[in-house]
């Protein structure tokens, strides 16, 4: 699948024990963002066009062309967000674009992009936490347990679990919601509990 291409990690200078896996964030994006919900007809064409270009560009190697395309996409989706302030989906897509841009950025710039994405996800959740099968909730949870904590960033295991559990409430059989909560539990040393969510993910995947 597409997300297997995303292996790079964002190393935060001076904190080698804390890494943010862009592969896992893009996993969320590809798995959930493309599970299309019902968008407002008037913004469907714009969102679909931006989304398609973003997906194609995400498969390419880092380059100045890739960077310029993402910058243009970020500008384009910002216009859609401005035109449809009551819709969560454009905010989720913009956060995905910023997180993908973070793959190629320096540690300092990448952390800034991640923080911007977090703000967008928070707005999307306020508008509609169930948009795209709770993808904003899952991504927010992953961010909270992958980024460093204070004073470097906003990482917080308690917040991570709160968002991941909310994602499971929205989409209890979702592959991503089960996978990432299981991974979180494994990192907490709760192996037996994690196994039940991994089994649920496997059973869900087997049905497709």
C-alpha atoms as a PDB file:
ATOM      1  CA  UNK A   1       0.000   0.000   0.000  1.00  0.00           C
ATOM      2  CA  UNK A   2       0.965   3.632  -0.400  1.00  0.00           C
ATOM      3  CA  UNK A   3       1.906   4.210   3.214  1.00  0.00           C
ATOM      4  CA  UNK A   4       4.675   1.595   3.003  1.00  0.00           C
ATOM      5  CA  UNK A   5       6.723   4.161   1.088  1.00  0.00           C
ATOM      6  CA  UNK A   6       6.943   6.443   4.102  1.00  0.00           C
ATOM      7  CA  UNK A   7       9.847   5.200   6.181  1.00  0.00           C
ATOM      8  CA  UNK A   8      11.628   8.444   7.049  1.00  0.00           C
ATOM      9  CA  UNK A   9      11.662   9.799  10.598  1.00  0.00           C
ATOM     10  CA  UNK A  10      11.808  13.308  11.906  1.00  0.00           C
ATOM     11  CA  UNK A  11      14.763  13.545  14.284  1.00  0.00           C
ATOM     12  CA  UNK A  12      14.437  16.337  16.825  1.00  0.00           C
ATOM     13  CA  UNK A  13      17.856  17.862  17.426  1.00  0.00           C
ATOM     14  CA  UNK A  14      19.267  17.038  20.855  1.00  0.00           C
ATOM     15  CA  UNK A  15      16.497  14.568  21.710  1.00  0.00           C
ATOM     16  CA  UNK A  16      17.415  11.347  19.909  1.00  0.00           C
ATOM     17  CA  UNK A  17      15.127   9.263  22.120  1.00  0.00           C
ATOM     18  CA  UNK A  18      12.105  11.071  20.730  1.00  0.00           C
ATOM     19  CA  UNK A  19      11.271  10.566  17.062  1.00  0.00           C
ATOM     20  CA  UNK A  20       8.133  11.298  15.117  1.00  0.00           C
ATOM     21  CA  UNK A  21       7.375   8.640  12.521  1.00  0.00           C
ATOM     22  CA  UNK A  22       5.902  10.294   9.472  1.00  0.00           C
ATOM     23  CA  UNK A  23       5.202   6.826   8.123  1.00  0.00           C
ATOM     24  CA  UNK A  24       2.619   6.249  10.839  1.00  0.00           C
ATOM     25  CA  UNK A  25       1.030   9.646  10.403  1.00  0.00           C
ATOM     26  CA  UNK A  26       0.697   9.121   6.668  1.00  0.00           C
ATOM     27  CA  UNK A  27      -0.764   5.694   7.430  1.00  0.00           C
ATOM     28  CA  UNK A  28      -3.597   7.450   9.236  1.00  0.00           C
ATOM     29  CA  UNK A  29      -4.056   9.922   6.433  1.00  0.00           C
ATOM     30  CA  UNK A  30      -4.168   7.409   3.591  1.00  0.00           C
ATOM     31  CA  UNK A  31      -6.298   4.934   5.489  1.00  0.00           C
ATOM     32  CA  UNK A  32      -8.910   7.404   6.658  1.00  0.00           C
ATOM     33  CA  UNK A  33      -8.746  10.477   4.479  1.00  0.00           C
ATOM     34  CA  UNK A  34      -9.596   8.439   1.403  1.00  0.00           C
ATOM     35  CA  UNK A  35     -12.571   6.823   3.129  1.00  0.00           C
ATOM     36  CA  UNK A  36     -14.662   9.531   1.560  1.00  0.00           C
ATOM     37  CA  UNK A  37     -17.581  10.929   3.434  1.00  0.00           C
ATOM     38  CA  UNK A  38     -20.283  13.173   2.090  1.00  0.00           C
ATOM     39  CA  UNK A  39     -18.787  16.564   1.350  1.00  0.00           C
ATOM     40  CA  UNK A  40     -20.666  19.679   0.449  1.00  0.00           C
ATOM     41  CA  UNK A  41     -21.238  19.510  -3.313  1.00  0.00           C
ATOM     42  CA  UNK A  42     -19.784  22.942  -3.922  1.00  0.00           C
ATOM     43  CA  UNK A  43     -16.436  22.073  -2.343  1.00  0.00           C
ATOM     44  CA  UNK A  44     -16.171  18.446  -3.493  1.00  0.00           C
ATOM     45  CA  UNK A  45     -14.410  19.275  -6.753  1.00  0.00           C
ATOM     46  CA  UNK A  46     -11.816  21.529  -5.117  1.00  0.00           C
ATOM     47  CA  UNK A  47     -11.068  19.110  -2.296  1.00  0.00           C
ATOM     48  CA  UNK A  48     -10.872  16.109  -4.635  1.00  0.00           C
ATOM     49  CA  UNK A  49      -8.455  17.860  -6.988  1.00  0.00           C
ATOM     50  CA  UNK A  50      -6.153  18.962  -4.169  1.00  0.00           C
ATOM     51  CA  UNK A  51      -6.365  15.544  -2.544  1.00  0.00           C
ATOM     52  CA  UNK A  52      -5.447  13.719  -5.752  1.00  0.00           C
ATOM     53  CA  UNK A  53      -2.441  15.942  -6.427  1.00  0.00           C
ATOM     54  CA  UNK A  54      -1.296  15.596  -2.829  1.00  0.00           C
ATOM     55  CA  UNK A  55      -1.557  11.793  -2.972  1.00  0.00           C
ATOM     56  CA  UNK A  56       0.418  11.582  -6.220  1.00  0.00           C
ATOM     57  CA  UNK A  57       3.098  13.969  -4.979  1.00  0.00           C
ATOM     58  CA  UNK A  58       3.413  12.151  -1.663  1.00  0.00           C
ATOM     59  CA  UNK A  59       4.706   9.102  -3.532  1.00  0.00           C
ATOM     60  CA  UNK A  60       7.645  11.006  -5.012  1.00  0.00           C
ATOM     61  CA  UNK A  61      11.080  11.509  -3.510  1.00  0.00           C
ATOM     62  CA  UNK A  62      11.990  14.716  -1.717  1.00  0.00           C
ATOM     63  CA  UNK A  63      12.890  17.478  -4.170  1.00  0.00           C
ATOM     64  CA  UNK A  64      12.416  21.179  -4.787  1.00  0.00           C
ATOM     65  CA  UNK A  65       9.538  20.356  -7.149  1.00  0.00           C
ATOM     66  CA  UNK A  66       7.799  18.293  -4.475  1.00  0.00           C
ATOM     67  CA  UNK A  67       8.274  21.097  -1.956  1.00  0.00           C
ATOM     68  CA  UNK A  68       6.839  23.693  -4.346  1.00  0.00           C
ATOM     69  CA  UNK A  69       3.825  21.518  -5.127  1.00  0.00           C
ATOM     70  CA  UNK A  70       3.071  21.047  -1.439  1.00  0.00           C
ATOM     71  CA  UNK A  71       3.412  24.780  -0.834  1.00  0.00           C
ATOM     72  CA  UNK A  72       0.899  25.442  -3.599  1.00  0.00           C
ATOM     73  CA  UNK A  73      -1.452  22.766  -2.274  1.00  0.00           C
ATOM     74  CA  UNK A  74      -1.258  24.296   1.201  1.00  0.00           C
ATOM     75  CA  UNK A  75      -2.215  27.648  -0.299  1.00  0.00           C
ATOM     76  CA  UNK A  76      -5.047  26.095  -2.318  1.00  0.00           C
ATOM     77  CA  UNK A  77      -6.559  24.200   0.607  1.00  0.00           C
ATOM     78  CA  UNK A  78      -6.281  27.309   2.783  1.00  0.00           C
ATOM     79  CA  UNK A  79      -8.642  29.015   0.339  1.00  0.00           C
ATOM     80  CA  UNK A  80     -11.087  26.112   0.651  1.00  0.00           C
ATOM     81  CA  UNK A  81     -10.880  26.288   4.451  1.00  0.00           C
ATOM     82  CA  UNK A  82     -11.640  29.999   4.268  1.00  0.00           C
ATOM     83  CA  UNK A  83     -14.602  29.447   1.930  1.00  0.00           C
ATOM     84  CA  UNK A  84     -16.062  26.599   4.015  1.00  0.00           C
ATOM     85  CA  UNK A  85     -15.286  27.451   7.658  1.00  0.00           C
ATOM     86  CA  UNK A  86     -17.973  25.130   9.005  1.00  0.00           C
ATOM     87  CA  UNK A  87     -16.569  22.008   7.312  1.00  0.00           C
ATOM     88  CA  UNK A  88     -14.053  19.716   9.010  1.00  0.00           C
ATOM     89  CA  UNK A  89     -12.768  17.898   5.923  1.00  0.00           C
ATOM     90  CA  UNK A  90     -10.687  20.751   4.425  1.00  0.00           C
ATOM     91  CA  UNK A  91      -9.021  21.245   7.807  1.00  0.00           C
ATOM     92  CA  UNK A  92      -8.135  17.553   7.957  1.00  0.00           C
ATOM     93  CA  UNK A  93      -6.703  17.650   4.438  1.00  0.00           C
ATOM     94  CA  UNK A  94      -4.654  20.750   5.214  1.00  0.00           C
ATOM     95  CA  UNK A  95      -3.239  19.065   8.315  1.00  0.00           C
ATOM     96  CA  UNK A  96      -2.301  16.059   6.167  1.00  0.00           C
ATOM     97  CA  UNK A  97      -0.479  18.288   3.685  1.00  0.00           C
ATOM     98  CA  UNK A  98       1.463  19.996   6.468  1.00  0.00           C
ATOM     99  CA  UNK A  99       2.428  16.682   8.053  1.00  0.00           C
ATOM    100  CA  UNK A 100       3.670  15.418   4.702  1.00  0.00           C
ATOM    101  CA  UNK A 101       5.697  18.604   4.266  1.00  0.00           C
ATOM    102  CA  UNK A 102       7.244  17.938   7.677  1.00  0.00           C
ATOM    103  CA  UNK A 103       8.853  14.790   6.269  1.00  0.00           C
ATOM    104  CA  UNK A 104      11.248  16.848   4.178  1.00  0.00           C
ATOM    105  CA  UNK A 105      11.816  19.747   6.558  1.00  0.00           C
ATOM    106  CA  UNK A 106      14.525  20.448   9.107  1.00  0.00           C
ATOM    107  CA  UNK A 107      13.787  19.514  12.711  1.00  0.00           C
ATOM    108  CA  UNK A 108      12.899  23.073  13.678  1.00  0.00           C
ATOM    109  CA  UNK A 109      10.633  23.698  10.678  1.00  0.00           C
ATOM    110  CA  UNK A 110       9.062  20.246  10.929  1.00  0.00           C
ATOM    111  CA  UNK A 111       8.074  20.787  14.546  1.00  0.00           C
ATOM    112  CA  UNK A 112       6.421  24.069  13.575  1.00  0.00           C
ATOM    113  CA  UNK A 113       4.456  22.317  10.829  1.00  0.00           C
ATOM    114  CA  UNK A 114       3.359  19.605  13.251  1.00  0.00           C
ATOM    115  CA  UNK A 115       2.121  22.243  15.696  1.00  0.00           C
ATOM    116  CA  UNK A 116       0.161  23.942  12.899  1.00  0.00           C
ATOM    117  CA  UNK A 117      -1.354  20.591  11.935  1.00  0.00           C
ATOM    118  CA  UNK A 118      -2.360  20.026  15.555  1.00  0.00           C
ATOM    119  CA  UNK A 119      -4.233  23.340  15.624  1.00  0.00           C
ATOM    120  CA  UNK A 120      -6.078  22.437  12.426  1.00  0.00           C
ATOM    121  CA  UNK A 121      -7.015  19.022  13.778  1.00  0.00           C
ATOM    122  CA  UNK A 122      -8.336  20.614  16.970  1.00  0.00           C
ATOM    123  CA  UNK A 123     -10.577  22.883  14.898  1.00  0.00           C
ATOM    124  CA  UNK A 124     -11.774  19.937  12.805  1.00  0.00           C
ATOM    125  CA  UNK A 125     -12.630  17.993  15.951  1.00  0.00           C
ATOM    126  CA  UNK A 126     -14.571  20.937  17.349  1.00  0.00           C
ATOM    127  CA  UNK A 127     -16.585  21.121  14.129  1.00  0.00           C
ATOM    128  CA  UNK A 128     -17.204  17.414  13.604  1.00  0.00           C
ATOM    129  CA  UNK A 129     -15.188  14.734  15.442  1.00  0.00           C
ATOM    130  CA  UNK A 130     -16.787  12.027  13.299  1.00  0.00           C
ATOM    131  CA  UNK A 131     -15.583  13.479   9.982  1.00  0.00           C
ATOM    132  CA  UNK A 132     -13.732  10.918   7.866  1.00  0.00           C
ATOM    133  CA  UNK A 133     -14.452   8.190  10.415  1.00  0.00           C
ATOM    134  CA  UNK A 134     -12.731  10.075  13.215  1.00  0.00           C
ATOM    135  CA  UNK A 135      -9.438  10.542  11.356  1.00  0.00           C
ATOM    136  CA  UNK A 136      -8.704  13.826  13.139  1.00  0.00           C
ATOM    137  CA  UNK A 137      -9.069  12.103  16.516  1.00  0.00           C
ATOM    138  CA  UNK A 138      -6.718   9.284  15.519  1.00  0.00           C
ATOM    139  CA  UNK A 139      -4.107  11.620  14.083  1.00  0.00           C
ATOM    140  CA  UNK A 140      -4.270  13.892  17.123  1.00  0.00           C
ATOM    141  CA  UNK A 141      -3.761  10.909  19.411  1.00  0.00           C
ATOM    142  CA  UNK A 142      -0.764   9.731  17.406  1.00  0.00           C
ATOM    143  CA  UNK A 143       0.768  13.204  17.496  1.00  0.00           C
ATOM    144  CA  UNK A 144       0.403  13.403  21.266  1.00  0.00           C
ATOM    145  CA  UNK A 145       2.298  10.181  21.908  1.00  0.00           C
ATOM    146  CA  UNK A 146       4.896  10.571  19.146  1.00  0.00           C
ATOM    147  CA  UNK A 147       6.166  14.117  19.619  1.00  0.00           C
ATOM    148  CA  UNK A 148       8.386  15.107  22.552  1.00  0.00           C
ATOM    149  CA  UNK A 149       6.803  16.523  25.661  1.00  0.00           C
ATOM    150  CA  UNK A 150       7.472  19.848  27.341  1.00  0.00           C
ATOM    151  CA  UNK A 151       9.649  21.890  26.929  1.00  0.00           C
ATOM    152  CA  UNK A 152      10.324  20.780  23.341  1.00  0.00           C
ATOM    153  CA  UNK A 153       6.769  20.151  22.177  1.00  0.00           C
ATOM    154  CA  UNK A 154       3.307  19.109  23.327  1.00  0.00           C
ATOM    155  CA  UNK A 155       3.645  15.340  23.714  1.00  0.00           C
ATOM    156  CA  UNK A 156       1.399  13.931  26.453  1.00  0.00           C
ATOM    157  CA  UNK A 157       0.447  10.284  26.928  1.00  0.00           C
ATOM    158  CA  UNK A 158      -2.737  11.118  28.836  1.00  0.00           C
ATOM    159  CA  UNK A 159      -3.961  13.358  26.026  1.00  0.00           C
ATOM    160  CA  UNK A 160      -2.960  10.718  23.493  1.00  0.00           C
ATOM    161  CA  UNK A 161      -5.073   8.057  25.171  1.00  0.00           C
ATOM    162  CA  UNK A 162      -8.028  10.420  25.490  1.00  0.00           C
ATOM    163  CA  UNK A 163      -8.077  11.116  21.749  1.00  0.00           C
ATOM    164  CA  UNK A 164      -7.450   7.501  20.753  1.00  0.00           C
ATOM    165  CA  UNK A 165     -10.316   6.291  22.950  1.00  0.00           C
ATOM    166  CA  UNK A 166     -12.601   8.928  21.445  1.00  0.00           C
ATOM    167  CA  UNK A 167     -11.591   7.678  18.000  1.00  0.00           C
ATOM    168  CA  UNK A 168     -12.582   4.163  19.015  1.00  0.00           C
ATOM    169  CA  UNK A 169     -15.959   5.433  20.176  1.00  0.00           C
ATOM    170  CA  UNK A 170     -16.512   7.029  16.779  1.00  0.00           C
ATOM    171  CA  UNK A 171     -15.207   4.068  14.788  1.00  0.00           C
ATOM    172  CA  UNK A 172     -14.862   0.972  17.018  1.00  0.00           C
ATOM    173  CA  UNK A 173     -14.087  -1.349  14.107  1.00  0.00           C
ATOM    174  CA  UNK A 174     -11.733   1.023  12.305  1.00  0.00           C
ATOM    175  CA  UNK A 175      -8.360  -0.407  11.310  1.00  0.00           C
ATOM    176  CA  UNK A 176      -6.425   2.744  12.214  1.00  0.00           C
ATOM    177  CA  UNK A 177      -8.263   3.440  15.472  1.00  0.00           C
ATOM    178  CA  UNK A 178      -7.547  -0.098  16.694  1.00  0.00           C
ATOM    179  CA  UNK A 179      -3.987  -0.247  15.365  1.00  0.00           C
ATOM    180  CA  UNK A 180      -2.800   2.996  16.902  1.00  0.00           C
ATOM    181  CA  UNK A 181      -4.445   2.430  20.260  1.00  0.00           C
ATOM    182  CA  UNK A 182      -2.824  -1.011  20.319  1.00  0.00           C
ATOM    183  CA  UNK A 183       0.545   0.538  19.513  1.00  0.00           C
ATOM    184  CA  UNK A 184       0.036   3.103  22.261  1.00  0.00           C
ATOM    185  CA  UNK A 185      -0.760   0.343  24.762  1.00  0.00           C
ATOM    186  CA  UNK A 186       2.333  -1.602  23.694  1.00  0.00           C
ATOM    187  CA  UNK A 187       4.479   1.451  24.353  1.00  0.00           C
ATOM    188  CA  UNK A 188       2.892   1.621  27.820  1.00  0.00           C
ATOM    189  CA  UNK A 189       3.810  -2.011  28.450  1.00  0.00           C
ATOM    190  CA  UNK A 190       0.170  -3.157  28.381  1.00  0.00           C
ATOM    191  CA  UNK A 191       0.793  -6.033  26.001  1.00  0.00           C
ATOM    192  CA  UNK A 192      -2.233  -8.193  26.768  1.00  0.00           C
ATOM    193  CA  UNK A 193      -4.634  -5.292  26.419  1.00  0.00           C
ATOM    194  CA  UNK A 194      -2.956  -4.237  23.185  1.00  0.00           C
ATOM    195  CA  UNK A 195      -3.358  -7.720  21.752  1.00  0.00           C
ATOM    196  CA  UNK A 196      -7.150  -7.506  21.867  1.00  0.00           C
ATOM    197  CA  UNK A 197      -7.110  -4.356  19.737  1.00  0.00           C
ATOM    198  CA  UNK A 198      -4.638  -5.891  17.285  1.00  0.00           C
ATOM    199  CA  UNK A 199      -6.952  -8.874  16.941  1.00  0.00           C
ATOM    200  CA  UNK A 200      -9.855  -6.529  16.270  1.00  0.00           C
ATOM    201  CA  UNK A 201      -7.782  -4.776  13.580  1.00  0.00           C
ATOM    202  CA  UNK A 202      -6.955  -8.121  11.985  1.00  0.00           C
ATOM    203  CA  UNK A 203     -10.581  -9.250  12.005  1.00  0.00           C
ATOM    204  CA  UNK A 204     -11.689  -5.946  10.497  1.00  0.00           C
ATOM    205  CA  UNK A 205      -9.051  -6.137   7.751  1.00  0.00           C
ATOM    206  CA  UNK A 206     -10.004  -9.733   6.971  1.00  0.00           C
ATOM    207  CA  UNK A 207     -13.531  -8.653   6.109  1.00  0.00           C
ATOM    208  CA  UNK A 208     -12.295  -6.506   3.180  1.00  0.00           C
END
